[in-house]
């Protein structure tokens, strides 16, 4: 039987192995000219409260890192930077399960269209 210390060490190495594998997979799908910024540490005290058993990935690993995504409206490859994530989760206190799906231009167009409908 293993001790708790041994098991924690195994879990930590498995997490590091998965993180390395995920980074390699991520590097294959990055847009051209993308240069990752250094990760930014998560401050759990500033996050919005959530009632769930599942912990968000960024909270489990302890830092924000740049995440590439494809805009659902224009199919343009974009990157949700670590700084933008920190602003969303900590300053605005957005949902910890939300992530970027639209580029900045499409978000602006959608926001202006919504305001135009409310003005009528």
PDB file of N, CA and C in Angstrom:
ATOM      1  N   UNK A   1       0.849  -1.171   0.000  1.00  0.00           N
ATOM      2  CA  UNK A   1       0.000   0.000   0.000  1.00  0.00           C
ATOM      3  C   UNK A   1       0.898   1.239   0.000  1.00  0.00           C
ATOM      4  N   UNK A   2       0.480   2.239  -0.769  1.00  0.00           N
ATOM      5  CA  UNK A   2       1.264   3.458  -0.884  1.00  0.00           C
ATOM      6  C   UNK A   2       0.832   4.464   0.164  1.00  0.00           C
ATOM      7  N   UNK A   3       1.786   5.294   0.541  1.00  0.00           N
ATOM      8  CA  UNK A   3       1.454   6.362   1.480  1.00  0.00           C
ATOM      9  C   UNK A   3       0.810   7.518   0.717  1.00  0.00           C
ATOM     10  N   UNK A   4       0.190   8.418   1.453  1.00  0.00           N
ATOM     11  CA  UNK A   4      -0.427   9.585   0.836  1.00  0.00           C
ATOM     12  C   UNK A   4       0.596  10.439   0.116  1.00  0.00           C
ATOM     13  N   UNK A   5       1.794  10.510   0.677  1.00  0.00           N
ATOM     14  CA  UNK A   5       2.860  11.303   0.074  1.00  0.00           C
ATOM     15  C   UNK A   5       3.265  10.719  -1.284  1.00  0.00           C
ATOM     16  N   UNK A   6       3.376   9.382  -1.353  1.00  0.00           N
ATOM     17  CA  UNK A   6       3.725   8.738  -2.616  1.00  0.00           C
ATOM     18  C   UNK A   6       2.630   8.946  -3.657  1.00  0.00           C
ATOM     19  N   UNK A   7       1.397   8.813  -3.224  1.00  0.00           N
ATOM     20  CA  UNK A   7       0.275   8.974  -4.146  1.00  0.00           C
ATOM     21  C   UNK A   7       0.204  10.413  -4.672  1.00  0.00           C
ATOM     22  N   UNK A   8       0.411  11.398  -3.810  1.00  0.00           N
ATOM     23  CA  UNK A   8       0.418  12.794  -4.248  1.00  0.00           C
ATOM     24  C   UNK A   8       1.524  13.046  -5.266  1.00  0.00           C
ATOM     25  N   UNK A   9       2.689  12.436  -5.039  1.00  0.00           N
ATOM     26  CA  UNK A   9       3.795  12.586  -5.976  1.00  0.00           C
ATOM     27  C   UNK A   9       3.412  11.990  -7.332  1.00  0.00           C
ATOM     28  N   UNK A  10       2.770  10.819  -7.335  1.00  0.00           N
ATOM     29  CA  UNK A  10       2.319  10.202  -8.584  1.00  0.00           C
ATOM     30  C   UNK A  10       1.302  11.085  -9.305  1.00  0.00           C
ATOM     31  N   UNK A  11       0.383  11.634  -8.552  1.00  0.00           N
ATOM     32  CA  UNK A  11      -0.637  12.503  -9.143  1.00  0.00           C
ATOM     33  C   UNK A  11       0.012  13.737  -9.754  1.00  0.00           C
ATOM     34  N   UNK A  12       0.971  14.316  -9.039  1.00  0.00           N
ATOM     35  CA  UNK A  12       1.651  15.522  -9.529  1.00  0.00           C
ATOM     36  C   UNK A  12       2.415  15.234 -10.822  1.00  0.00           C
ATOM     37  N   UNK A  13       3.125  14.127 -10.891  1.00  0.00           N
ATOM     38  CA  UNK A  13       3.861  13.798 -12.113  1.00  0.00           C
ATOM     39  C   UNK A  13       2.914  13.494 -13.263  1.00  0.00           C
ATOM     40  N   UNK A  14       1.784  12.853 -12.970  1.00  0.00           N
ATOM     41  CA  UNK A  14       0.797  12.576 -14.021  1.00  0.00           C
ATOM     42  C   UNK A  14       0.218  13.878 -14.560  1.00  0.00           C
ATOM     43  N   UNK A  15      -0.055  14.830 -13.675  1.00  0.00           N
ATOM     44  CA  UNK A  15      -0.574  16.131 -14.107  1.00  0.00           C
ATOM     45  C   UNK A  15       0.448  16.861 -14.966  1.00  0.00           C
ATOM     46  N   UNK A  16       1.716  16.812 -14.560  1.00  0.00           N
ATOM     47  CA  UNK A  16       2.757  17.470 -15.343  1.00  0.00           C
ATOM     48  C   UNK A  16       2.885  16.824 -16.719  1.00  0.00           C
ATOM     49  N   UNK A  17       2.788  15.505 -16.770  1.00  0.00           N
ATOM     50  CA  UNK A  17       2.863  14.789 -18.036  1.00  0.00           C
ATOM     51  C   UNK A  17       1.693  15.196 -18.947  1.00  0.00           C
ATOM     52  N   UNK A  18       0.482  15.269 -18.377  1.00  0.00           N
ATOM     53  CA  UNK A  18      -0.689  15.673 -19.162  1.00  0.00           C
ATOM     54  C   UNK A  18      -0.561  17.118 -19.633  1.00  0.00           C
ATOM     55  N   UNK A  19      -0.025  17.996 -18.779  1.00  0.00           N
ATOM     56  CA  UNK A  19       0.137  19.403 -19.158  1.00  0.00           C
ATOM     57  C   UNK A  19       1.126  19.535 -20.313  1.00  0.00           C
ATOM     58  N   UNK A  20       2.218  18.779 -20.263  1.00  0.00           N
ATOM     59  CA  UNK A  20       3.203  18.800 -21.338  1.00  0.00           C
ATOM     60  C   UNK A  20       2.591  18.303 -22.635  1.00  0.00           C
ATOM     61  N   UNK A  21       1.832  17.224 -22.538  1.00  0.00           N
ATOM     62  CA  UNK A  21       1.176  16.660 -23.715  1.00  0.00           C
ATOM     63  C   UNK A  21       0.162  17.645 -24.294  1.00  0.00           C
ATOM     64  N   UNK A  22      -0.579  18.319 -23.424  1.00  0.00           N
ATOM     65  CA  UNK A  22      -1.557  19.309 -23.880  1.00  0.00           C
ATOM     66  C   UNK A  22      -0.864  20.494 -24.544  1.00  0.00           C
ATOM     67  N   UNK A  23       0.275  20.921 -23.995  1.00  0.00           N
ATOM     68  CA  UNK A  23       1.030  22.034 -24.590  1.00  0.00           C
ATOM     69  C   UNK A  23       1.509  21.665 -25.990  1.00  0.00           C
ATOM     70  N   UNK A  24       1.973  20.425 -26.157  1.00  0.00           N
ATOM     71  CA  UNK A  24       2.440  19.989 -27.472  1.00  0.00           C
ATOM     72  C   UNK A  24       1.291  19.950 -28.467  1.00  0.00           C
ATOM     73  N   UNK A  25       0.131  19.454 -28.037  1.00  0.00           N
ATOM     74  CA  UNK A  25      -1.037  19.411 -28.914  1.00  0.00           C
ATOM     75  C   UNK A  25      -1.500  20.822 -29.258  1.00  0.00           C
ATOM     76  N   UNK A  26      -1.426  21.721 -28.283  1.00  0.00           N
ATOM     77  CA  UNK A  26      -1.825  23.107 -28.488  1.00  0.00           C
ATOM     78  C   UNK A  26      -0.900  23.783 -29.494  1.00  0.00           C
ATOM     79  N   UNK A  27       0.391  23.501 -29.405  1.00  0.00           N
ATOM     80  CA  UNK A  27       1.372  24.124 -30.295  1.00  0.00           C
ATOM     81  C   UNK A  27       1.113  23.763 -31.757  1.00  0.00           C
ATOM     82  N   UNK A  28       0.529  22.596 -32.000  1.00  0.00           N
ATOM     83  CA  UNK A  28       0.248  22.177 -33.374  1.00  0.00           C
ATOM     84  C   UNK A  28      -0.909  22.960 -33.985  1.00  0.00           C
ATOM     85  N   UNK A  29      -1.792  23.537 -33.159  1.00  0.00           N
ATOM     86  CA  UNK A  29      -2.987  24.194 -33.663  1.00  0.00           C
ATOM     87  C   UNK A  29      -2.968  25.709 -33.467  1.00  0.00           C
ATOM     88  N   UNK A  30      -1.814  26.279 -33.187  1.00  0.00           N
ATOM     89  CA  UNK A  30      -1.738  27.723 -32.963  1.00  0.00           C
ATOM     90  C   UNK A  30      -1.758  28.484 -34.282  1.00  0.00           C
ATOM     91  N   UNK A  31      -2.361  29.671 -34.294  1.00  0.00           N
ATOM     92  CA  UNK A  31      -2.350  30.489 -35.507  1.00  0.00           C
ATOM     93  C   UNK A  31      -0.933  30.959 -35.848  1.00  0.00           C
ATOM     94  N   UNK A  32      -0.707  31.295 -37.098  1.00  0.00           N
ATOM     95  CA  UNK A  32       0.608  31.771 -37.523  1.00  0.00           C
ATOM     96  C   UNK A  32       0.973  33.061 -36.793  1.00  0.00           C
ATOM     97  N   UNK A  33       2.222  33.189 -36.436  1.00  0.00           N
ATOM     98  CA  UNK A  33       2.695  34.391 -35.769  1.00  0.00           C
ATOM     99  C   UNK A  33       2.360  34.458 -34.285  1.00  0.00           C
ATOM    100  N   UNK A  34       1.850  33.385 -33.740  1.00  0.00           N
ATOM    101  CA  UNK A  34       1.477  33.374 -32.321  1.00  0.00           C
ATOM    102  C   UNK A  34       2.719  33.163 -31.463  1.00  0.00           C
ATOM    103  N   UNK A  35       2.916  34.036 -30.491  1.00  0.00           N
ATOM    104  CA  UNK A  35       3.988  33.835 -29.520  1.00  0.00           C
ATOM    105  C   UNK A  35       3.349  33.868 -28.135  1.00  0.00           C
ATOM    106  N   UNK A  36       3.421  32.772 -27.399  1.00  0.00           N
ATOM    107  CA  UNK A  36       2.741  32.705 -26.107  1.00  0.00           C
ATOM    108  C   UNK A  36       3.338  33.669 -25.093  1.00  0.00           C
ATOM    109  N   UNK A  37       2.478  34.223 -24.266  1.00  0.00           N
ATOM    110  CA  UNK A  37       2.929  35.080 -23.179  1.00  0.00           C
ATOM    111  C   UNK A  37       3.134  34.213 -21.948  1.00  0.00           C
ATOM    112  N   UNK A  38       3.897  34.691 -20.980  1.00  0.00           N
ATOM    113  CA  UNK A  38       4.094  33.876 -19.782  1.00  0.00           C
ATOM    114  C   UNK A  38       2.777  33.683 -19.036  1.00  0.00           C
ATOM    115  N   UNK A  39       2.619  32.548 -18.379  1.00  0.00           N
ATOM    116  CA  UNK A  39       1.380  32.306 -17.638  1.00  0.00           C
ATOM    117  C   UNK A  39       1.208  33.299 -16.490  1.00  0.00           C
ATOM    118  N   UNK A  40      -0.043  33.570 -16.139  1.00  0.00           N
ATOM    119  CA  UNK A  40      -0.372  34.496 -15.056  1.00  0.00           C
ATOM    120  C   UNK A  40      -1.043  33.692 -13.952  1.00  0.00           C
ATOM    121  N   UNK A  41      -0.593  33.880 -12.722  1.00  0.00           N
ATOM    122  CA  UNK A  41      -1.123  33.116 -11.592  1.00  0.00           C
ATOM    123  C   UNK A  41      -2.579  33.467 -11.316  1.00  0.00           C
ATOM    124  N   UNK A  42      -3.338  32.464 -10.911  1.00  0.00           N
ATOM    125  CA  UNK A  42      -4.756  32.635 -10.569  1.00  0.00           C
ATOM    126  C   UNK A  42      -4.864  33.066  -9.112  1.00  0.00           C
ATOM    127  N   UNK A  43      -5.749  34.021  -8.843  1.00  0.00           N
ATOM    128  CA  UNK A  43      -6.048  34.418  -7.472  1.00  0.00           C
ATOM    129  C   UNK A  43      -7.463  33.920  -7.162  1.00  0.00           C
ATOM    130  N   UNK A  44      -7.601  32.743  -6.526  1.00  0.00           N
ATOM    131  CA  UNK A  44      -8.921  32.152  -6.296  1.00  0.00           C
ATOM    132  C   UNK A  44      -9.854  33.021  -5.460  1.00  0.00           C
ATOM    133  N   UNK A  45      -9.307  33.904  -4.638  1.00  0.00           N
ATOM    134  CA  UNK A  45     -10.143  34.765  -3.795  1.00  0.00           C
ATOM    135  C   UNK A  45     -10.946  35.766  -4.623  1.00  0.00           C
ATOM    136  N   UNK A  46     -10.485  36.094  -5.827  1.00  0.00           N
ATOM    137  CA  UNK A  46     -11.166  37.082  -6.662  1.00  0.00           C
ATOM    138  C   UNK A  46     -12.175  36.469  -7.632  1.00  0.00           C
ATOM    139  N   UNK A  47     -12.255  35.149  -7.690  1.00  0.00           N
ATOM    140  CA  UNK A  47     -13.165  34.489  -8.627  1.00  0.00           C
ATOM    141  C   UNK A  47     -14.599  34.540  -8.129  1.00  0.00           C
ATOM    142  N   UNK A  48     -15.542  34.529  -9.066  1.00  0.00           N
ATOM    143  CA  UNK A  48     -16.958  34.456  -8.706  1.00  0.00           C
ATOM    144  C   UNK A  48     -17.216  33.096  -8.066  1.00  0.00           C
ATOM    145  N   UNK A  49     -18.134  33.049  -7.129  1.00  0.00           N
ATOM    146  CA  UNK A  49     -18.425  31.776  -6.480  1.00  0.00           C
ATOM    147  C   UNK A  49     -19.122  30.847  -7.462  1.00  0.00           C
ATOM    148  N   UNK A  50     -18.856  29.570  -7.326  1.00  0.00           N
ATOM    149  CA  UNK A  50     -19.491  28.571  -8.180  1.00  0.00           C
ATOM    150  C   UNK A  50     -19.797  27.356  -7.318  1.00  0.00           C
ATOM    151  N   UNK A  51     -20.922  26.740  -7.596  1.00  0.00           N
ATOM    152  CA  UNK A  51     -21.365  25.581  -6.835  1.00  0.00           C
ATOM    153  C   UNK A  51     -21.328  24.350  -7.725  1.00  0.00           C
ATOM    154  N   UNK A  52     -20.179  23.714  -7.748  1.00  0.00           N
ATOM    155  CA  UNK A  52     -20.038  22.534  -8.574  1.00  0.00           C
ATOM    156  C   UNK A  52     -18.897  21.694  -8.039  1.00  0.00           C
ATOM    157  N   UNK A  53     -18.964  20.431  -8.332  1.00  0.00           N
ATOM    158  CA  UNK A  53     -17.891  19.538  -7.922  1.00  0.00           C
ATOM    159  C   UNK A  53     -16.714  19.615  -8.875  1.00  0.00           C
ATOM    160  N   UNK A  54     -16.970  19.954 -10.115  1.00  0.00           N
ATOM    161  CA  UNK A  54     -15.902  20.034 -11.106  1.00  0.00           C
ATOM    162  C   UNK A  54     -15.139  21.332 -10.997  1.00  0.00           C
ATOM    163  N   UNK A  55     -13.831  21.246 -10.944  1.00  0.00           N
ATOM    164  CA  UNK A  55     -13.002  22.444 -10.846  1.00  0.00           C
ATOM    165  C   UNK A  55     -12.547  22.848 -12.246  1.00  0.00           C
ATOM    166  N   UNK A  56     -12.636  24.130 -12.595  1.00  0.00           N
ATOM    167  CA  UNK A  56     -12.172  24.574 -13.916  1.00  0.00           C
ATOM    168  C   UNK A  56     -10.694  24.259 -14.103  1.00  0.00           C
ATOM    169  N   UNK A  57     -10.299  24.009 -15.330  1.00  0.00           N
ATOM    170  CA  UNK A  57      -8.923  23.614 -15.631  1.00  0.00           C
ATOM    171  C   UNK A  57      -7.907  24.653 -15.176  1.00  0.00           C
ATOM    172  N   UNK A  58      -8.171  25.942 -15.457  1.00  0.00           N
ATOM    173  CA  UNK A  58      -7.197  26.963 -15.085  1.00  0.00           C
ATOM    174  C   UNK A  58      -7.015  27.037 -13.574  1.00  0.00           C
ATOM    175  N   UNK A  59      -8.062  26.759 -12.816  1.00  0.00           N
ATOM    176  CA  UNK A  59      -7.970  26.795 -11.363  1.00  0.00           C
ATOM    177  C   UNK A  59      -7.188  25.590 -10.846  1.00  0.00           C
ATOM    178  N   UNK A  60      -7.384  24.445 -11.468  1.00  0.00           N
ATOM    179  CA  UNK A  60      -6.671  23.228 -11.063  1.00  0.00           C
ATOM    180  C   UNK A  60      -5.170  23.364 -11.310  1.00  0.00           C
ATOM    181  N   UNK A  61      -4.796  23.980 -12.447  1.00  0.00           N
ATOM    182  CA  UNK A  61      -3.356  24.089 -12.728  1.00  0.00           C
ATOM    183  C   UNK A  61      -2.735  25.293 -12.043  1.00  0.00           C
ATOM    184  N   UNK A  62      -3.550  26.312 -11.673  1.00  0.00           N
ATOM    185  CA  UNK A  62      -3.033  27.428 -10.895  1.00  0.00           C
ATOM    186  C   UNK A  62      -2.601  28.646 -11.680  1.00  0.00           C
ATOM    187  N   UNK A  63      -2.781  28.646 -12.994  1.00  0.00           N
ATOM    188  CA  UNK A  63      -2.398  29.806 -13.782  1.00  0.00           C
ATOM    189  C   UNK A  63      -3.250  29.875 -15.047  1.00  0.00           C
ATOM    190  N   UNK A  64      -3.294  31.092 -15.608  1.00  0.00           N
ATOM    191  CA  UNK A  64      -3.948  31.304 -16.899  1.00  0.00           C
ATOM    192  C   UNK A  64      -2.882  31.187 -17.969  1.00  0.00           C
ATOM    193  N   UNK A  65      -3.239  30.620 -19.109  1.00  0.00           N
ATOM    194  CA  UNK A  65      -2.318  30.581 -20.233  1.00  0.00           C
ATOM    195  C   UNK A  65      -3.103  30.874 -21.501  1.00  0.00           C
ATOM    196  N   UNK A  66      -2.413  31.374 -22.520  1.00  0.00           N
ATOM    197  CA  UNK A  66      -3.072  31.730 -23.776  1.00  0.00           C
ATOM    198  C   UNK A  66      -3.779  30.512 -24.354  1.00  0.00           C
ATOM    199  N   UNK A  67      -4.999  30.734 -24.856  1.00  0.00           N
ATOM    200  CA  UNK A  67      -5.786  29.645 -25.437  1.00  0.00           C
ATOM    201  C   UNK A  67      -6.257  30.034 -26.829  1.00  0.00           C
ATOM    202  N   UNK A  68      -5.855  29.272 -27.835  1.00  0.00           N
ATOM    203  CA  UNK A  68      -6.354  29.557 -29.182  1.00  0.00           C
ATOM    204  C   UNK A  68      -7.792  29.068 -29.317  1.00  0.00           C
ATOM    205  N   UNK A  69      -8.564  29.755 -30.138  1.00  0.00           N
ATOM    206  CA  UNK A  69      -9.929  29.339 -30.424  1.00  0.00           C
ATOM    207  C   UNK A  69     -10.316  29.853 -31.795  1.00  0.00           C
ATOM    208  N   UNK A  70     -11.390  29.319 -32.342  1.00  0.00           N
ATOM    209  CA  UNK A  70     -11.899  29.758 -33.633  1.00  0.00           C
ATOM    210  C   UNK A  70     -13.228  30.464 -33.409  1.00  0.00           C
ATOM    211  N   UNK A  71     -13.364  31.659 -33.949  1.00  0.00           N
ATOM    212  CA  UNK A  71     -14.584  32.452 -33.802  1.00  0.00           C
ATOM    213  C   UNK A  71     -15.758  31.698 -34.430  1.00  0.00           C
ATOM    214  N   UNK A  72     -16.871  31.614 -33.698  1.00  0.00           N
ATOM    215  CA  UNK A  72     -18.038  30.885 -34.199  1.00  0.00           C
ATOM    216  C   UNK A  72     -18.755  31.651 -35.312  1.00  0.00           C
ATOM    217  N   UNK A  73     -18.546  32.945 -35.420  1.00  0.00           N
ATOM    218  CA  UNK A  73     -19.226  33.739 -36.445  1.00  0.00           C
ATOM    219  C   UNK A  73     -18.421  33.841 -37.738  1.00  0.00           C
ATOM    220  N   UNK A  74     -17.139  34.175 -37.640  1.00  0.00           N
ATOM    221  CA  UNK A  74     -16.349  34.424 -38.852  1.00  0.00           C
ATOM    222  C   UNK A  74     -15.281  33.352 -39.130  1.00  0.00           C
ATOM    223  N   UNK A  75     -15.166  32.348 -38.296  1.00  0.00           N
ATOM    224  CA  UNK A  75     -14.191  31.248 -38.457  1.00  0.00           C
ATOM    225  C   UNK A  75     -12.741  31.720 -38.484  1.00  0.00           C
ATOM    226  N   UNK A  76     -12.466  32.839 -37.846  1.00  0.00           N
ATOM    227  CA  UNK A  76     -11.099  33.357 -37.777  1.00  0.00           C
ATOM    228  C   UNK A  76     -10.406  32.760 -36.554  1.00  0.00           C
ATOM    229  N   UNK A  77      -9.153  32.349 -36.708  1.00  0.00           N
ATOM    230  CA  UNK A  77      -8.380  31.824 -35.585  1.00  0.00           C
ATOM    231  C   UNK A  77      -7.926  32.978 -34.708  1.00  0.00           C
ATOM    232  N   UNK A  78      -8.215  32.890 -33.438  1.00  0.00           N
ATOM    233  CA  UNK A  78      -7.875  33.932 -32.472  1.00  0.00           C
ATOM    234  C   UNK A  78      -7.215  33.302 -31.256  1.00  0.00           C
ATOM    235  N   UNK A  79      -6.706  34.147 -30.366  1.00  0.00           N
ATOM    236  CA  UNK A  79      -6.092  33.691 -29.120  1.00  0.00           C
ATOM    237  C   UNK A  79      -6.707  34.471 -27.964  1.00  0.00           C
ATOM    238  N   UNK A  80      -7.181  33.756 -26.964  1.00  0.00           N
ATOM    239  CA  UNK A  80      -7.679  34.371 -25.734  1.00  0.00           C
ATOM    240  C   UNK A  80      -6.491  34.411 -24.787  1.00  0.00           C
ATOM    241  N   UNK A  81      -5.922  35.597 -24.591  1.00  0.00           N
ATOM    242  CA  UNK A  81      -4.681  35.719 -23.835  1.00  0.00           C
ATOM    243  C   UNK A  81      -4.899  35.510 -22.346  1.00  0.00           C
ATOM    244  N   UNK A  82      -3.819  35.228 -21.649  1.00  0.00           N
ATOM    245  CA  UNK A  82      -3.872  35.023 -20.197  1.00  0.00           C
ATOM    246  C   UNK A  82      -4.357  36.291 -19.494  1.00  0.00           C
ATOM    247  N   UNK A  83      -3.935  37.450 -19.969  1.00  0.00           N
ATOM    248  CA  UNK A  83      -4.367  38.713 -19.358  1.00  0.00           C
ATOM    249  C   UNK A  83      -5.861  38.930 -19.539  1.00  0.00           C
ATOM    250  N   UNK A  84      -6.391  38.592 -20.729  1.00  0.00           N
ATOM    251  CA  UNK A  84      -7.829  38.718 -20.964  1.00  0.00           C
ATOM    252  C   UNK A  84      -8.607  37.755 -20.068  1.00  0.00           C
ATOM    253  N   UNK A  85      -8.084  36.553 -19.876  1.00  0.00           N
ATOM    254  CA  UNK A  85      -8.741  35.582 -19.001  1.00  0.00           C
ATOM    255  C   UNK A  85      -8.771  36.079 -17.561  1.00  0.00           C
ATOM    256  N   UNK A  86      -7.645  36.617 -17.086  1.00  0.00           N
ATOM    257  CA  UNK A  86      -7.601  37.130 -15.724  1.00  0.00           C
ATOM    258  C   UNK A  86      -8.615  38.263 -15.552  1.00  0.00           C
ATOM    259  N   UNK A  87      -8.705  39.155 -16.541  1.00  0.00           N
ATOM    260  CA  UNK A  87      -9.676  40.241 -16.469  1.00  0.00           C
ATOM    261  C   UNK A  87     -11.092  39.670 -16.393  1.00  0.00           C
ATOM    262  N   UNK A  88     -11.409  38.696 -17.245  1.00  0.00           N
ATOM    263  CA  UNK A  88     -12.757  38.133 -17.291  1.00  0.00           C
ATOM    264  C   UNK A  88     -13.118  37.429 -15.979  1.00  0.00           C
ATOM    265  N   UNK A  89     -12.240  36.574 -15.507  1.00  0.00           N
ATOM    266  CA  UNK A  89     -12.561  35.767 -14.334  1.00  0.00           C
ATOM    267  C   UNK A  89     -12.432  36.528 -13.017  1.00  0.00           C
ATOM    268  N   UNK A  90     -11.426  37.400 -12.900  1.00  0.00           N
ATOM    269  CA  UNK A  90     -11.160  38.050 -11.618  1.00  0.00           C
ATOM    270  C   UNK A  90     -11.735  39.465 -11.514  1.00  0.00           C
ATOM    271  N   UNK A  91     -11.576  40.301 -12.521  1.00  0.00           N
ATOM    272  CA  UNK A  91     -12.062  41.682 -12.438  1.00  0.00           C
ATOM    273  C   UNK A  91     -13.569  41.756 -12.660  1.00  0.00           C
ATOM    274  N   UNK A  92     -14.055  41.106 -13.708  1.00  0.00           N
ATOM    275  CA  UNK A  92     -15.474  41.141 -14.038  1.00  0.00           C
ATOM    276  C   UNK A  92     -16.248  40.067 -13.278  1.00  0.00           C
ATOM    277  N   UNK A  93     -15.536  39.078 -12.794  1.00  0.00           N
ATOM    278  CA  UNK A  93     -16.098  37.917 -12.098  1.00  0.00           C
ATOM    279  C   UNK A  93     -17.087  37.164 -12.988  1.00  0.00           C
ATOM    280  N   UNK A  94     -16.646  36.894 -14.217  1.00  0.00           N
ATOM    281  CA  UNK A  94     -17.441  36.091 -15.144  1.00  0.00           C
ATOM    282  C   UNK A  94     -17.456  34.643 -14.696  1.00  0.00           C
ATOM    283  N   UNK A  95     -18.347  33.870 -15.282  1.00  0.00           N
ATOM    284  CA  UNK A  95     -18.473  32.456 -14.931  1.00  0.00           C
ATOM    285  C   UNK A  95     -17.146  31.734 -15.158  1.00  0.00           C
ATOM    286  N   UNK A  96     -16.755  30.896 -14.216  1.00  0.00           N
ATOM    287  CA  UNK A  96     -15.487  30.176 -14.330  1.00  0.00           C
ATOM    288  C   UNK A  96     -15.550  29.091 -15.402  1.00  0.00           C
ATOM    289  N   UNK A  97     -16.746  28.799 -15.905  1.00  0.00           N
ATOM    290  CA  UNK A  97     -16.892  27.786 -16.946  1.00  0.00           C
ATOM    291  C   UNK A  97     -17.048  28.408 -18.333  1.00  0.00           C
ATOM    292  N   UNK A  98     -17.027  29.744 -18.435  1.00  0.00           N
ATOM    293  CA  UNK A  98     -17.146  30.427 -19.722  1.00  0.00           C
ATOM    294  C   UNK A  98     -15.769  30.512 -20.382  1.00  0.00           C
ATOM    295  N   UNK A  99     -15.764  30.548 -21.697  1.00  0.00           N
ATOM    296  CA  UNK A  99     -14.534  30.756 -22.447  1.00  0.00           C
ATOM    297  C   UNK A  99     -14.857  31.521 -23.726  1.00  0.00           C
ATOM    298  N   UNK A 100     -13.847  32.070 -24.354  1.00  0.00           N
ATOM    299  CA  UNK A 100     -14.038  32.895 -25.536  1.00  0.00           C
ATOM    300  C   UNK A 100     -14.516  32.053 -26.716  1.00  0.00           C
ATOM    301  N   UNK A 101     -15.523  32.559 -27.441  1.00  0.00           N
ATOM    302  CA  UNK A 101     -16.000  31.878 -28.643  1.00  0.00           C
ATOM    303  C   UNK A 101     -16.088  32.834 -29.835  1.00  0.00           C
ATOM    304  N   UNK A 102     -16.024  34.152 -29.578  1.00  0.00           N
ATOM    305  CA  UNK A 102     -16.095  35.139 -30.651  1.00  0.00           C
ATOM    306  C   UNK A 102     -14.886  36.066 -30.604  1.00  0.00           C
ATOM    307  N   UNK A 103     -14.435  36.493 -31.782  1.00  0.00           N
ATOM    308  CA  UNK A 103     -13.328  37.451 -31.847  1.00  0.00           C
ATOM    309  C   UNK A 103     -13.842  38.820 -31.418  1.00  0.00           C
ATOM    310  N   UNK A 104     -12.944  39.729 -31.215  1.00  0.00           N
ATOM    311  CA  UNK A 104     -13.298  41.059 -30.716  1.00  0.00           C
ATOM    312  C   UNK A 104     -14.252  41.785 -31.674  1.00  0.00           C
ATOM    313  N   UNK A 105     -13.981  41.701 -32.967  1.00  0.00           N
ATOM    314  CA  UNK A 105     -14.824  42.389 -33.959  1.00  0.00           C
ATOM    315  C   UNK A 105     -16.248  41.826 -33.952  1.00  0.00           C
ATOM    316  N   UNK A 106     -16.382  40.515 -33.899  1.00  0.00           N
ATOM    317  CA  UNK A 106     -17.720  39.897 -33.899  1.00  0.00           C
ATOM    318  C   UNK A 106     -18.455  40.190 -32.595  1.00  0.00           C
ATOM    319  N   UNK A 107     -17.745  40.272 -31.477  1.00  0.00           N
ATOM    320  CA  UNK A 107     -18.392  40.638 -30.212  1.00  0.00           C
ATOM    321  C   UNK A 107     -18.940  42.060 -30.288  1.00  0.00           C
ATOM    322  N   UNK A 108     -18.167  42.959 -30.878  1.00  0.00           N
ATOM    323  CA  UNK A 108     -18.609  44.349 -31.012  1.00  0.00           C
ATOM    324  C   UNK A 108     -19.839  44.441 -31.913  1.00  0.00           C
ATOM    325  N   UNK A 109     -19.829  43.738 -33.029  1.00  0.00           N
ATOM    326  CA  UNK A 109     -20.972  43.740 -33.950  1.00  0.00           C
ATOM    327  C   UNK A 109     -22.212  43.200 -33.241  1.00  0.00           C
ATOM    328  N   UNK A 110     -22.051  42.116 -32.508  1.00  0.00           N
ATOM    329  CA  UNK A 110     -23.175  41.503 -31.786  1.00  0.00           C
ATOM    330  C   UNK A 110     -23.715  42.456 -30.710  1.00  0.00           C
ATOM    331  N   UNK A 111     -22.816  43.127 -30.009  1.00  0.00           N
ATOM    332  CA  UNK A 111     -23.220  44.070 -28.962  1.00  0.00           C
ATOM    333  C   UNK A 111     -23.984  45.250 -29.557  1.00  0.00           C
ATOM    334  N   UNK A 112     -23.492  45.809 -30.666  1.00  0.00           N
ATOM    335  CA  UNK A 112     -24.161  46.944 -31.294  1.00  0.00           C
ATOM    336  C   UNK A 112     -25.528  46.538 -31.862  1.00  0.00           C
ATOM    337  N   UNK A 113     -25.633  45.332 -32.409  1.00  0.00           N
ATOM    338  CA  UNK A 113     -26.916  44.853 -32.934  1.00  0.00           C
ATOM    339  C   UNK A 113     -27.926  44.708 -31.803  1.00  0.00           C
ATOM    340  N   UNK A 114     -27.479  44.241 -30.670  1.00  0.00           N
ATOM    341  CA  UNK A 114     -28.361  44.097 -29.505  1.00  0.00           C
ATOM    342  C   UNK A 114     -28.842  45.446 -29.002  1.00  0.00           C
ATOM    343  N   UNK A 115     -27.947  46.418 -28.993  1.00  0.00           N
ATOM    344  CA  UNK A 115     -28.334  47.770 -28.547  1.00  0.00           C
ATOM    345  C   UNK A 115     -29.319  48.397 -29.527  1.00  0.00           C
ATOM    346  N   UNK A 116     -29.142  48.144 -30.825  1.00  0.00           N
ATOM    347  CA  UNK A 116     -30.043  48.703 -31.838  1.00  0.00           C
ATOM    348  C   UNK A 116     -31.444  48.122 -31.669  1.00  0.00           C
ATOM    349  N   UNK A 117     -31.546  46.836 -31.322  1.00  0.00           N
ATOM    350  CA  UNK A 117     -32.861  46.219 -31.122  1.00  0.00           C
ATOM    351  C   UNK A 117     -33.551  46.807 -29.901  1.00  0.00           C
ATOM    352  N   UNK A 118     -32.809  47.075 -28.860  1.00  0.00           N
ATOM    353  CA  UNK A 118     -33.420  47.627 -27.639  1.00  0.00           C
ATOM    354  C   UNK A 118     -33.837  49.081 -27.819  1.00  0.00           C
ATOM    355  N   UNK A 119     -33.185  49.787 -28.734  1.00  0.00           N
ATOM    356  CA  UNK A 119     -33.491  51.190 -28.958  1.00  0.00           C
ATOM    357  C   UNK A 119     -34.802  51.367 -29.719  1.00  0.00           C
ATOM    358  N   UNK A 120     -35.192  50.354 -30.468  1.00  0.00           N
ATOM    359  CA  UNK A 120     -36.411  50.444 -31.303  1.00  0.00           C
ATOM    360  C   UNK A 120     -37.646  50.279 -30.481  1.00  0.00           C
TER     361      UNK A 120
END
